[in-house]
Amino acid sequence: MFKGVALSIASSCLFAILYYYATLLAPLSGEQIFGWRMLLMLPCITTFLVLSGEWRHVNAVWKYLRRKPQMIIPLCLSSALLGMQQWLFMWAPLNGHGLDVSLGYFLLPLVMLLVGRILYGDRLTSTQKIAALCAATGALNELYQVGHLSWSTLLVALGFPLYFVLRRKLDTAHLGGLWFDILLTFPVAAYFAMGQEPAADAFAGAPSLYFLLVLLAVISSAAFMAYTVASKILPFSLFGLLGYVEPILMVAVALALGEQIRAEQWMTYLPIWMAVGLLIFDGGLHLWRSRGFKR
């Protein structure tokens, strides 16, 4: 379990870096960044799978499709769910939906906690229950401050749990499944990356974008791979609760970029930070016991 917790936290740190990294890619739009990110991730992940000997996961999905060709439909749905989330992640801050999407990420672990309990019978430790209560307090305060749930909030809070449930149902909750998810986004990603007129002008005016986009793909691939492996190792509920690490780090990035937490938002962030602290404590305690460190 410790490996899963470590990978989940590592992926959250990498996604937070990407949240800041997007500001370095001007004059590309959010849609263009999304397109190039998805296009360039596939060769990075392919290289990793081949060199690490994990290509068997891709072969397993191919064999699955040959036996049941009709399963291409749910695989396309899985790819679409992932693609929408990655598009929204890049698009929202530039189009006035940053707060709505943040609320979605705050609600997401609570939805996953509920799904894990109902569908998979996950059980929480006492510490995890207290953490969930703290996180719920913060999320409810955020809901009270915003006053409504927008389509972008619901897309995050409901779309991600559906994505993970579908992948577990299809038995593609591994790096081979991620490879197919990214492969099937290619037509849309190519349109966003190269189908918009200002794209060539952006590269002509900023040649450094070539290097920055390659680095974007490397960071994104590492984040996705860590996230995917963690989702397979961890219980659904714990994986959902660890999802609070990412929005907290995103807040830290926003503060570094000059934004400020308003007075009424402290009751959102403080309980959630407390929940994360409890989860770290619970994970450390589990590691201590599992390795026999008790005297």
C-alpha atoms as a PDB file:
ATOM      1  CA  MET A   1       0.000   0.000   0.000  1.00  0.00           C
ATOM      2  CA  PHE A   2       2.876   2.378   0.755  1.00  0.00           C
ATOM      3  CA  LYS A   3       4.030   2.132  -2.875  1.00  0.00           C
ATOM      4  CA  GLY A   4       0.562   3.154  -4.044  1.00  0.00           C
ATOM      5  CA  VAL A   5       0.430   6.125  -1.630  1.00  0.00           C
ATOM      6  CA  ALA A   6       3.896   7.267  -2.729  1.00  0.00           C
ATOM      7  CA  LEU A   7       2.985   7.018  -6.419  1.00  0.00           C
ATOM      8  CA  SER A   8      -0.290   8.894  -5.875  1.00  0.00           C
ATOM      9  CA  ILE A   9       1.471  11.754  -4.061  1.00  0.00           C
ATOM     10  CA  ALA A  10       4.230  11.823  -6.713  1.00  0.00           C
ATOM     11  CA  SER A  11       1.647  12.077  -9.490  1.00  0.00           C
ATOM     12  CA  SER A  12      -0.101  14.937  -7.664  1.00  0.00           C
ATOM     13  CA  CYS A  13       3.212  16.800  -7.389  1.00  0.00           C
ATOM     14  CA  LEU A  14       3.885  16.327 -11.096  1.00  0.00           C
ATOM     15  CA  PHE A  15       0.382  17.485 -12.063  1.00  0.00           C
ATOM     16  CA  ALA A  16       0.860  20.583  -9.890  1.00  0.00           C
ATOM     17  CA  ILE A  17       4.105  21.284 -11.754  1.00  0.00           C
ATOM     18  CA  LEU A  18       2.148  21.020 -15.013  1.00  0.00           C
ATOM     19  CA  TYR A  19      -0.371  23.536 -13.681  1.00  0.00           C
ATOM     20  CA  TYR A  20       2.456  26.064 -13.427  1.00  0.00           C
ATOM     21  CA  TYR A  21       4.274  24.808 -16.512  1.00  0.00           C
ATOM     22  CA  ALA A  22       1.380  25.813 -18.753  1.00  0.00           C
ATOM     23  CA  THR A  23       2.189  29.475 -18.028  1.00  0.00           C
ATOM     24  CA  LEU A  24       5.553  28.986 -19.758  1.00  0.00           C
ATOM     25  CA  LEU A  25       3.955  27.939 -23.044  1.00  0.00           C
ATOM     26  CA  ALA A  26       2.532  31.271 -24.188  1.00  0.00           C
ATOM     27  CA  PRO A  27       1.303  32.139 -26.771  1.00  0.00           C
ATOM     28  CA  LEU A  28      -0.217  28.659 -27.128  1.00  0.00           C
ATOM     29  CA  SER A  29      -3.852  28.428 -26.046  1.00  0.00           C
ATOM     30  CA  GLY A  30      -5.186  25.899 -23.552  1.00  0.00           C
ATOM     31  CA  GLU A  31      -6.594  23.817 -26.414  1.00  0.00           C
ATOM     32  CA  GLN A  32      -3.265  23.782 -28.254  1.00  0.00           C
ATOM     33  CA  ILE A  33      -1.363  22.811 -25.108  1.00  0.00           C
ATOM     34  CA  PHE A  34      -3.808  19.967 -24.531  1.00  0.00           C
ATOM     35  CA  GLY A  35      -3.401  18.770 -28.122  1.00  0.00           C
ATOM     36  CA  TRP A  36       0.400  18.749 -28.119  1.00  0.00           C
ATOM     37  CA  ARG A  37       0.479  17.209 -24.656  1.00  0.00           C
ATOM     38  CA  MET A  38      -1.618  14.212 -25.724  1.00  0.00           C
ATOM     39  CA  LEU A  39       0.187  13.781 -29.065  1.00  0.00           C
ATOM     40  CA  LEU A  40       3.669  13.773 -27.534  1.00  0.00           C
ATOM     41  CA  MET A  41       2.848  11.605 -24.532  1.00  0.00           C
ATOM     42  CA  LEU A  42       2.260   8.475 -26.622  1.00  0.00           C
ATOM     43  CA  PRO A  43       5.875   8.066 -27.830  1.00  0.00           C
ATOM     44  CA  CYS A  44       7.127   8.761 -24.286  1.00  0.00           C
ATOM     45  CA  ILE A  45       4.893   6.130 -22.715  1.00  0.00           C
ATOM     46  CA  THR A  46       5.586   3.693 -25.579  1.00  0.00           C
ATOM     47  CA  THR A  47       9.337   4.035 -25.003  1.00  0.00           C
ATOM     48  CA  PHE A  48       8.911   3.408 -21.280  1.00  0.00           C
ATOM     49  CA  LEU A  49       6.721   0.336 -21.828  1.00  0.00           C
ATOM     50  CA  VAL A  50       9.160  -1.197 -24.319  1.00  0.00           C
ATOM     51  CA  LEU A  51      12.302  -0.531 -22.265  1.00  0.00           C
ATOM     52  CA  SER A  52      10.735  -1.692 -19.001  1.00  0.00           C
ATOM     53  CA  GLY A  53       9.278  -4.866 -20.473  1.00  0.00           C
ATOM     54  CA  GLU A  54       5.738  -3.725 -19.691  1.00  0.00           C
ATOM     55  CA  TRP A  55       4.567  -3.787 -23.317  1.00  0.00           C
ATOM     56  CA  ARG A  56       2.711  -6.992 -22.462  1.00  0.00           C
ATOM     57  CA  HIS A  57      -0.093  -4.834 -21.049  1.00  0.00           C
ATOM     58  CA  VAL A  58      -0.665  -3.299 -24.491  1.00  0.00           C
ATOM     59  CA  ASN A  59      -0.598  -6.767 -26.064  1.00  0.00           C
ATOM     60  CA  ALA A  60      -3.162  -7.928 -23.523  1.00  0.00           C
ATOM     61  CA  VAL A  61      -5.582  -5.194 -24.582  1.00  0.00           C
ATOM     62  CA  TRP A  62      -5.009  -6.038 -28.281  1.00  0.00           C
ATOM     63  CA  LYS A  63      -5.856  -9.705 -27.592  1.00  0.00           C
ATOM     64  CA  TYR A  64      -8.904  -8.573 -25.626  1.00  0.00           C
ATOM     65  CA  LEU A  65     -10.077  -6.529 -28.625  1.00  0.00           C
ATOM     66  CA  ARG A  66      -9.505  -9.379 -31.070  1.00  0.00           C
ATOM     67  CA  ARG A  67     -11.681 -11.654 -28.940  1.00  0.00           C
ATOM     68  CA  LYS A  68     -14.387  -9.026 -28.424  1.00  0.00           C
ATOM     69  CA  PRO A  69     -14.189  -6.332 -31.145  1.00  0.00           C
ATOM     70  CA  GLN A  70     -17.335  -4.674 -29.771  1.00  0.00           C
ATOM     71  CA  MET A  71     -15.333  -3.607 -26.704  1.00  0.00           C
ATOM     72  CA  ILE A  72     -13.813  -0.814 -28.799  1.00  0.00           C
ATOM     73  CA  ILE A  73     -16.921   1.198 -27.849  1.00  0.00           C
ATOM     74  CA  PRO A  74     -16.286   1.255 -24.070  1.00  0.00           C
ATOM     75  CA  LEU A  75     -12.571   1.735 -24.774  1.00  0.00           C
ATOM     76  CA  CYS A  76     -13.415   4.832 -26.812  1.00  0.00           C
ATOM     77  CA  LEU A  77     -15.631   6.018 -23.958  1.00  0.00           C
ATOM     78  CA  SER A  78     -12.744   5.537 -21.524  1.00  0.00           C
ATOM     79  CA  SER A  79     -10.468   7.542 -23.830  1.00  0.00           C
ATOM     80  CA  ALA A  80     -13.079  10.293 -24.195  1.00  0.00           C
ATOM     81  CA  LEU A  81     -13.499  10.574 -20.420  1.00  0.00           C
ATOM     82  CA  LEU A  82      -9.749  10.980 -19.947  1.00  0.00           C
ATOM     83  CA  GLY A  83      -9.427  13.387 -22.858  1.00  0.00           C
ATOM     84  CA  MET A  84     -12.207  15.649 -21.559  1.00  0.00           C
ATOM     85  CA  GLN A  85     -10.527  15.891 -18.156  1.00  0.00           C
ATOM     86  CA  GLN A  86      -7.162  16.786 -19.667  1.00  0.00           C
ATOM     87  CA  TRP A  87      -8.720  19.352 -21.987  1.00  0.00           C
ATOM     88  CA  LEU A  88     -10.609  20.921 -19.092  1.00  0.00           C
ATOM     89  CA  PHE A  89      -7.459  21.047 -16.947  1.00  0.00           C
ATOM     90  CA  MET A  90      -5.736  23.233 -19.544  1.00  0.00           C
ATOM     91  CA  TRP A  91      -8.781  25.175 -20.735  1.00  0.00           C
ATOM     92  CA  ALA A  92     -10.522  26.186 -17.506  1.00  0.00           C
ATOM     93  CA  PRO A  93      -7.948  28.595 -15.961  1.00  0.00           C
ATOM     94  CA  LEU A  94      -7.810  30.577 -19.204  1.00  0.00           C
ATOM     95  CA  ASN A  95     -11.583  30.787 -19.672  1.00  0.00           C
ATOM     96  CA  GLY A  96     -13.032  31.785 -16.305  1.00  0.00           C
ATOM     97  CA  HIS A  97     -13.773  28.275 -15.022  1.00  0.00           C
ATOM     98  CA  GLY A  98     -10.790  27.866 -12.701  1.00  0.00           C
ATOM     99  CA  LEU A  99     -12.860  28.154  -9.516  1.00  0.00           C
ATOM    100  CA  ASP A 100     -15.513  25.744 -10.803  1.00  0.00           C
ATOM    101  CA  VAL A 101     -12.909  23.143 -11.714  1.00  0.00           C
ATOM    102  CA  SER A 102     -11.173  23.558  -8.341  1.00  0.00           C
ATOM    103  CA  LEU A 103     -14.493  22.841  -6.655  1.00  0.00           C
ATOM    104  CA  GLY A 104     -14.816  19.719  -8.773  1.00  0.00           C
ATOM    105  CA  TYR A 105     -11.415  18.493  -7.581  1.00  0.00           C
ATOM    106  CA  PHE A 106     -12.431  19.173  -3.981  1.00  0.00           C
ATOM    107  CA  LEU A 107     -15.628  17.154  -4.425  1.00  0.00           C
ATOM    108  CA  LEU A 108     -13.961  14.364  -6.419  1.00  0.00           C
ATOM    109  CA  PRO A 109     -12.438  12.384  -3.509  1.00  0.00           C
ATOM    110  CA  LEU A 110     -15.756  12.462  -1.647  1.00  0.00           C
ATOM    111  CA  VAL A 111     -17.550  11.064  -4.693  1.00  0.00           C
ATOM    112  CA  MET A 112     -14.875   8.378  -5.067  1.00  0.00           C
ATOM    113  CA  LEU A 113     -15.180   7.570  -1.377  1.00  0.00           C
ATOM    114  CA  LEU A 114     -18.923   7.036  -1.860  1.00  0.00           C
ATOM    115  CA  VAL A 115     -18.399   4.975  -5.012  1.00  0.00           C
ATOM    116  CA  GLY A 116     -15.754   2.851  -3.324  1.00  0.00           C
ATOM    117  CA  ARG A 117     -18.043   2.147  -0.397  1.00  0.00           C
ATOM    118  CA  ILE A 118     -21.104   1.309  -2.539  1.00  0.00           C
ATOM    119  CA  LEU A 119     -19.526  -0.581  -5.452  1.00  0.00           C
ATOM    120  CA  TYR A 120     -16.449  -2.165  -3.902  1.00  0.00           C
ATOM    121  CA  GLY A 121     -17.285  -2.413  -0.202  1.00  0.00           C
ATOM    122  CA  ASP A 122     -14.163  -0.472   0.814  1.00  0.00           C
ATOM    123  CA  ARG A 123     -13.666  -0.073   4.550  1.00  0.00           C
ATOM    124  CA  LEU A 124     -12.002   2.949   6.109  1.00  0.00           C
ATOM    125  CA  THR A 125      -9.848   3.117   9.209  1.00  0.00           C
ATOM    126  CA  SER A 126     -10.908   5.466  12.006  1.00  0.00           C
ATOM    127  CA  THR A 127      -8.247   7.954  10.912  1.00  0.00           C
ATOM    128  CA  GLN A 128      -9.456   7.836   7.314  1.00  0.00           C
ATOM    129  CA  LYS A 129     -13.046   8.424   8.463  1.00  0.00           C
ATOM    130  CA  ILE A 130     -11.953  11.525  10.385  1.00  0.00           C
ATOM    131  CA  ALA A 131      -9.994  12.663   7.319  1.00  0.00           C
ATOM    132  CA  ALA A 132     -13.079  12.180   5.142  1.00  0.00           C
ATOM    133  CA  LEU A 133     -15.165  14.238   7.592  1.00  0.00           C
ATOM    134  CA  CYS A 134     -12.598  17.050   7.568  1.00  0.00           C
ATOM    135  CA  ALA A 135     -12.461  16.991   3.778  1.00  0.00           C
ATOM    136  CA  ALA A 136     -16.265  17.045   3.556  1.00  0.00           C
ATOM    137  CA  THR A 137     -16.342  20.129   5.806  1.00  0.00           C
ATOM    138  CA  GLY A 138     -13.973  21.956   3.489  1.00  0.00           C
ATOM    139  CA  ALA A 139     -15.797  20.885   0.344  1.00  0.00           C
ATOM    140  CA  LEU A 140     -19.184  21.950   1.762  1.00  0.00           C
ATOM    141  CA  ASN A 141     -17.802  25.364   2.643  1.00  0.00           C
ATOM    142  CA  GLU A 142     -16.517  25.742  -0.916  1.00  0.00           C
ATOM    143  CA  LEU A 143     -19.934  24.732  -2.250  1.00  0.00           C
ATOM    144  CA  TYR A 144     -21.564  27.297   0.054  1.00  0.00           C
ATOM    145  CA  GLN A 145     -19.210  30.043  -1.118  1.00  0.00           C
ATOM    146  CA  VAL A 146     -19.703  29.304  -4.829  1.00  0.00           C
ATOM    147  CA  GLY A 147     -23.437  28.709  -4.486  1.00  0.00           C
ATOM    148  CA  HIS A 148     -23.980  26.332  -7.413  1.00  0.00           C
ATOM    149  CA  LEU A 149     -22.499  23.441  -9.319  1.00  0.00           C
ATOM    150  CA  SER A 150     -21.483  24.275 -12.874  1.00  0.00           C
ATOM    151  CA  TRP A 151     -21.062  21.821 -15.743  1.00  0.00           C
ATOM    152  CA  SER A 152     -17.273  21.967 -15.344  1.00  0.00           C
ATOM    153  CA  THR A 153     -17.541  21.116 -11.627  1.00  0.00           C
ATOM    154  CA  LEU A 154     -19.761  18.128 -12.382  1.00  0.00           C
ATOM    155  CA  LEU A 155     -17.517  16.989 -15.237  1.00  0.00           C
ATOM    156  CA  VAL A 156     -14.611  16.621 -12.803  1.00  0.00           C
ATOM    157  CA  ALA A 157     -16.546  15.312  -9.781  1.00  0.00           C
ATOM    158  CA  LEU A 158     -18.541  12.708 -11.752  1.00  0.00           C
ATOM    159  CA  GLY A 159     -16.389  12.120 -14.833  1.00  0.00           C
ATOM    160  CA  PHE A 160     -13.260  10.886 -13.069  1.00  0.00           C
ATOM    161  CA  PRO A 161     -15.053   8.293 -10.872  1.00  0.00           C
ATOM    162  CA  LEU A 162     -16.874   7.010 -13.975  1.00  0.00           C
ATOM    163  CA  TYR A 163     -13.520   6.761 -15.762  1.00  0.00           C
ATOM    164  CA  PHE A 164     -11.921   4.700 -12.991  1.00  0.00           C
ATOM    165  CA  VAL A 165     -14.952   2.455 -12.554  1.00  0.00           C
ATOM    166  CA  LEU A 166     -15.049   1.801 -16.306  1.00  0.00           C
ATOM    167  CA  ARG A 167     -11.330   0.953 -16.424  1.00  0.00           C
ATOM    168  CA  ARG A 168     -11.681  -1.511 -13.562  1.00  0.00           C
ATOM    169  CA  LYS A 169     -14.709  -3.049 -15.271  1.00  0.00           C
ATOM    170  CA  LEU A 170     -12.777  -3.422 -18.538  1.00  0.00           C
ATOM    171  CA  ASP A 171      -9.680  -4.647 -16.676  1.00  0.00           C
ATOM    172  CA  THR A 172      -7.623  -1.874 -18.321  1.00  0.00           C
ATOM    173  CA  ALA A 173      -6.547  -0.136 -15.108  1.00  0.00           C
ATOM    174  CA  HIS A 174      -2.897  -0.486 -16.088  1.00  0.00           C
ATOM    175  CA  LEU A 175      -0.343   1.229 -18.329  1.00  0.00           C
ATOM    176  CA  GLY A 176      -1.550  -0.665 -21.397  1.00  0.00           C
ATOM    177  CA  GLY A 177      -5.031   0.746 -20.867  1.00  0.00           C
ATOM    178  CA  LEU A 178      -3.553   4.232 -20.475  1.00  0.00           C
ATOM    179  CA  TRP A 179      -1.658   3.734 -23.763  1.00  0.00           C
ATOM    180  CA  PHE A 180      -4.924   2.979 -25.566  1.00  0.00           C
ATOM    181  CA  ASP A 181      -6.711   5.901 -23.883  1.00  0.00           C
ATOM    182  CA  ILE A 182      -4.083   8.288 -25.222  1.00  0.00           C
ATOM    183  CA  LEU A 183      -3.918   6.609 -28.649  1.00  0.00           C
ATOM    184  CA  LEU A 184      -7.666   7.001 -29.172  1.00  0.00           C
ATOM    185  CA  THR A 185      -7.517  10.741 -28.411  1.00  0.00           C
ATOM    186  CA  PHE A 186      -5.221  11.305 -31.409  1.00  0.00           C
ATOM    187  CA  PRO A 187      -7.795  12.686 -33.895  1.00  0.00           C
ATOM    188  CA  VAL A 188      -9.085  15.324 -31.470  1.00  0.00           C
ATOM    189  CA  ALA A 189      -5.615  16.086 -30.094  1.00  0.00           C
ATOM    190  CA  ALA A 190      -4.216  16.552 -33.623  1.00  0.00           C
ATOM    191  CA  TYR A 191      -7.028  18.978 -34.461  1.00  0.00           C
ATOM    192  CA  PHE A 192      -6.374  21.089 -31.360  1.00  0.00           C
ATOM    193  CA  ALA A 193      -2.593  21.025 -31.837  1.00  0.00           C
ATOM    194  CA  MET A 194      -2.337  21.677 -35.571  1.00  0.00           C
ATOM    195  CA  GLY A 195      -5.801  22.483 -36.892  1.00  0.00           C
ATOM    196  CA  GLN A 196      -5.902  26.034 -35.572  1.00  0.00           C
ATOM    197  CA  GLU A 197      -4.449  28.791 -37.710  1.00  0.00           C
ATOM    198  CA  PRO A 198      -2.228  30.577 -35.119  1.00  0.00           C
ATOM    199  CA  ALA A 199      -0.267  27.385 -34.329  1.00  0.00           C
ATOM    200  CA  ALA A 200       2.524  27.914 -36.897  1.00  0.00           C
ATOM    201  CA  ASP A 201       2.873  31.588 -35.954  1.00  0.00           C
ATOM    202  CA  ALA A 202       3.298  30.641 -32.278  1.00  0.00           C
ATOM    203  CA  PHE A 203       6.274  28.379 -33.030  1.00  0.00           C
ATOM    204  CA  ALA A 204       7.832  30.880 -35.430  1.00  0.00           C
ATOM    205  CA  GLY A 205       7.793  33.553 -32.748  1.00  0.00           C
ATOM    206  CA  ALA A 206       9.002  31.286 -29.919  1.00  0.00           C
ATOM    207  CA  PRO A 207      11.328  28.479 -31.103  1.00  0.00           C
ATOM    208  CA  SER A 208      11.903  27.398 -27.477  1.00  0.00           C
ATOM    209  CA  LEU A 209       8.364  25.959 -27.546  1.00  0.00           C
ATOM    210  CA  TYR A 210       9.721  22.848 -29.280  1.00  0.00           C
ATOM    211  CA  PHE A 211      11.882  21.958 -26.265  1.00  0.00           C
ATOM    212  CA  LEU A 212       9.259  23.035 -23.740  1.00  0.00           C
ATOM    213  CA  LEU A 213       6.622  20.822 -25.353  1.00  0.00           C
ATOM    214  CA  VAL A 214       8.908  17.775 -25.293  1.00  0.00           C
ATOM    215  CA  LEU A 215       9.552  18.378 -21.587  1.00  0.00           C
ATOM    216  CA  LEU A 216       5.800  18.821 -21.084  1.00  0.00           C
ATOM    217  CA  ALA A 217       5.258  15.375 -22.600  1.00  0.00           C
ATOM    218  CA  VAL A 218       7.900  13.777 -20.356  1.00  0.00           C
ATOM    219  CA  ILE A 219       6.449  15.288 -17.165  1.00  0.00           C
ATOM    220  CA  SER A 220       2.885  14.441 -18.231  1.00  0.00           C
ATOM    221  CA  SER A 221       3.818  10.848 -19.047  1.00  0.00           C
ATOM    222  CA  ALA A 222       5.522  10.338 -15.684  1.00  0.00           C
ATOM    223  CA  ALA A 223       2.503  11.834 -13.882  1.00  0.00           C
ATOM    224  CA  PHE A 224      -0.001   9.679 -15.754  1.00  0.00           C
ATOM    225  CA  MET A 225       1.987   6.477 -15.264  1.00  0.00           C
ATOM    226  CA  ALA A 226       2.356   7.062 -11.528  1.00  0.00           C
ATOM    227  CA  TYR A 227      -1.346   7.928 -11.287  1.00  0.00           C
ATOM    228  CA  THR A 228      -2.406   4.849 -13.230  1.00  0.00           C
ATOM    229  CA  VAL A 229      -0.313   2.417 -11.186  1.00  0.00           C
ATOM    230  CA  ALA A 230      -1.528   4.005  -7.928  1.00  0.00           C
ATOM    231  CA  SER A 231      -5.161   3.648  -9.026  1.00  0.00           C
ATOM    232  CA  LYS A 232      -4.604  -0.098  -9.499  1.00  0.00           C
ATOM    233  CA  ILE A 233      -2.762  -0.691  -6.213  1.00  0.00           C
ATOM    234  CA  LEU A 234      -4.835   1.363  -3.770  1.00  0.00           C
ATOM    235  CA  PRO A 235      -8.365   0.720  -2.501  1.00  0.00           C
ATOM    236  CA  PHE A 236     -10.799   2.935  -4.426  1.00  0.00           C
ATOM    237  CA  SER A 237     -11.702   5.027  -1.353  1.00  0.00           C
ATOM    238  CA  LEU A 238      -8.123   5.681  -0.230  1.00  0.00           C
ATOM    239  CA  PHE A 239      -7.128   6.535  -3.791  1.00  0.00           C
ATOM    240  CA  GLY A 240      -9.987   9.036  -3.846  1.00  0.00           C
ATOM    241  CA  LEU A 241      -9.004  10.651  -0.535  1.00  0.00           C
ATOM    242  CA  LEU A 242      -5.423  11.063  -1.718  1.00  0.00           C
ATOM    243  CA  GLY A 243      -6.884  13.090  -4.568  1.00  0.00           C
ATOM    244  CA  TYR A 244      -6.944  16.045  -2.180  1.00  0.00           C
ATOM    245  CA  VAL A 245      -3.177  16.368  -2.445  1.00  0.00           C
ATOM    246  CA  GLU A 246      -3.383  17.662  -6.025  1.00  0.00           C
ATOM    247  CA  PRO A 247      -5.789  20.601  -5.536  1.00  0.00           C
ATOM    248  CA  ILE A 248      -3.859  21.680  -2.442  1.00  0.00           C
ATOM    249  CA  LEU A 249      -0.644  21.767  -4.454  1.00  0.00           C
ATOM    250  CA  MET A 250      -2.502  23.605  -7.209  1.00  0.00           C
ATOM    251  CA  VAL A 251      -3.448  26.228  -4.616  1.00  0.00           C
ATOM    252  CA  ALA A 252       0.241  26.530  -3.684  1.00  0.00           C
ATOM    253  CA  VAL A 253       1.080  27.110  -7.348  1.00  0.00           C
ATOM    254  CA  ALA A 254      -1.666  29.729  -7.632  1.00  0.00           C
ATOM    255  CA  LEU A 255      -0.286  31.538  -4.563  1.00  0.00           C
ATOM    256  CA  ALA A 256       3.198  31.466  -6.094  1.00  0.00           C
ATOM    257  CA  LEU A 257       1.726  33.062  -9.220  1.00  0.00           C
ATOM    258  CA  GLY A 258       0.300  35.924  -7.160  1.00  0.00           C
ATOM    259  CA  GLU A 259      -3.243  34.823  -6.297  1.00  0.00           C
ATOM    260  CA  GLN A 260      -4.539  35.104  -2.728  1.00  0.00           C
ATOM    261  CA  ILE A 261      -6.805  33.014  -0.504  1.00  0.00           C
ATOM    262  CA  ARG A 262      -9.806  35.092   0.505  1.00  0.00           C
ATOM    263  CA  ALA A 263     -10.876  35.151   4.140  1.00  0.00           C
ATOM    264  CA  GLU A 264     -13.993  33.063   3.488  1.00  0.00           C
ATOM    265  CA  GLN A 265     -11.905  30.362   1.756  1.00  0.00           C
ATOM    266  CA  TRP A 266      -9.819  29.453   4.802  1.00  0.00           C
ATOM    267  CA  MET A 267     -12.631  27.190   6.031  1.00  0.00           C
ATOM    268  CA  THR A 268     -12.263  25.312   2.757  1.00  0.00           C
ATOM    269  CA  TYR A 269      -8.508  24.858   2.779  1.00  0.00           C
ATOM    270  CA  LEU A 270      -7.709  24.335   6.464  1.00  0.00           C
ATOM    271  CA  PRO A 271      -9.986  21.258   6.943  1.00  0.00           C
ATOM    272  CA  ILE A 272      -8.730  19.772   3.685  1.00  0.00           C
ATOM    273  CA  TRP A 273      -5.091  20.320   4.647  1.00  0.00           C
ATOM    274  CA  MET A 274      -5.896  18.659   7.965  1.00  0.00           C
ATOM    275  CA  ALA A 275      -7.421  15.699   6.090  1.00  0.00           C
ATOM    276  CA  VAL A 276      -4.262  15.295   4.010  1.00  0.00           C
ATOM    277  CA  GLY A 277      -2.140  15.420   7.165  1.00  0.00           C
ATOM    278  CA  LEU A 278      -4.238  12.661   8.701  1.00  0.00           C
ATOM    279  CA  LEU A 279      -3.889  10.528   5.578  1.00  0.00           C
ATOM    280  CA  ILE A 280      -0.107  10.943   5.630  1.00  0.00           C
ATOM    281  CA  PHE A 281      -0.083   9.984   9.310  1.00  0.00           C
ATOM    282  CA  ASP A 282      -2.294   6.946   8.646  1.00  0.00           C
ATOM    283  CA  GLY A 283      -0.091   5.827   5.746  1.00  0.00           C
ATOM    284  CA  GLY A 284       3.060   6.224   7.826  1.00  0.00           C
ATOM    285  CA  LEU A 285       1.514   4.258  10.686  1.00  0.00           C
ATOM    286  CA  HIS A 286       0.538   1.464   8.303  1.00  0.00           C
ATOM    287  CA  LEU A 287       4.092   1.341   6.931  1.00  0.00           C
ATOM    288  CA  TRP A 288       5.537   1.263  10.450  1.00  0.00           C
ATOM    289  CA  ARG A 289       3.350  -1.670  11.422  1.00  0.00           C
ATOM    290  CA  SER A 290       3.693  -3.592   8.164  1.00  0.00           C
ATOM    291  CA  ARG A 291       7.477  -3.549   8.359  1.00  0.00           C
ATOM    292  CA  GLY A 292       7.532  -4.656  11.965  1.00  0.00           C
ATOM    293  CA  PHE A 293       9.070  -1.537  13.429  1.00  0.00           C
ATOM    294  CA  LYS A 294       7.131  -1.876  16.662  1.00  0.00           C
ATOM    295  CA  ARG A 295       9.266  -2.801  19.647  1.00  0.00           C
END
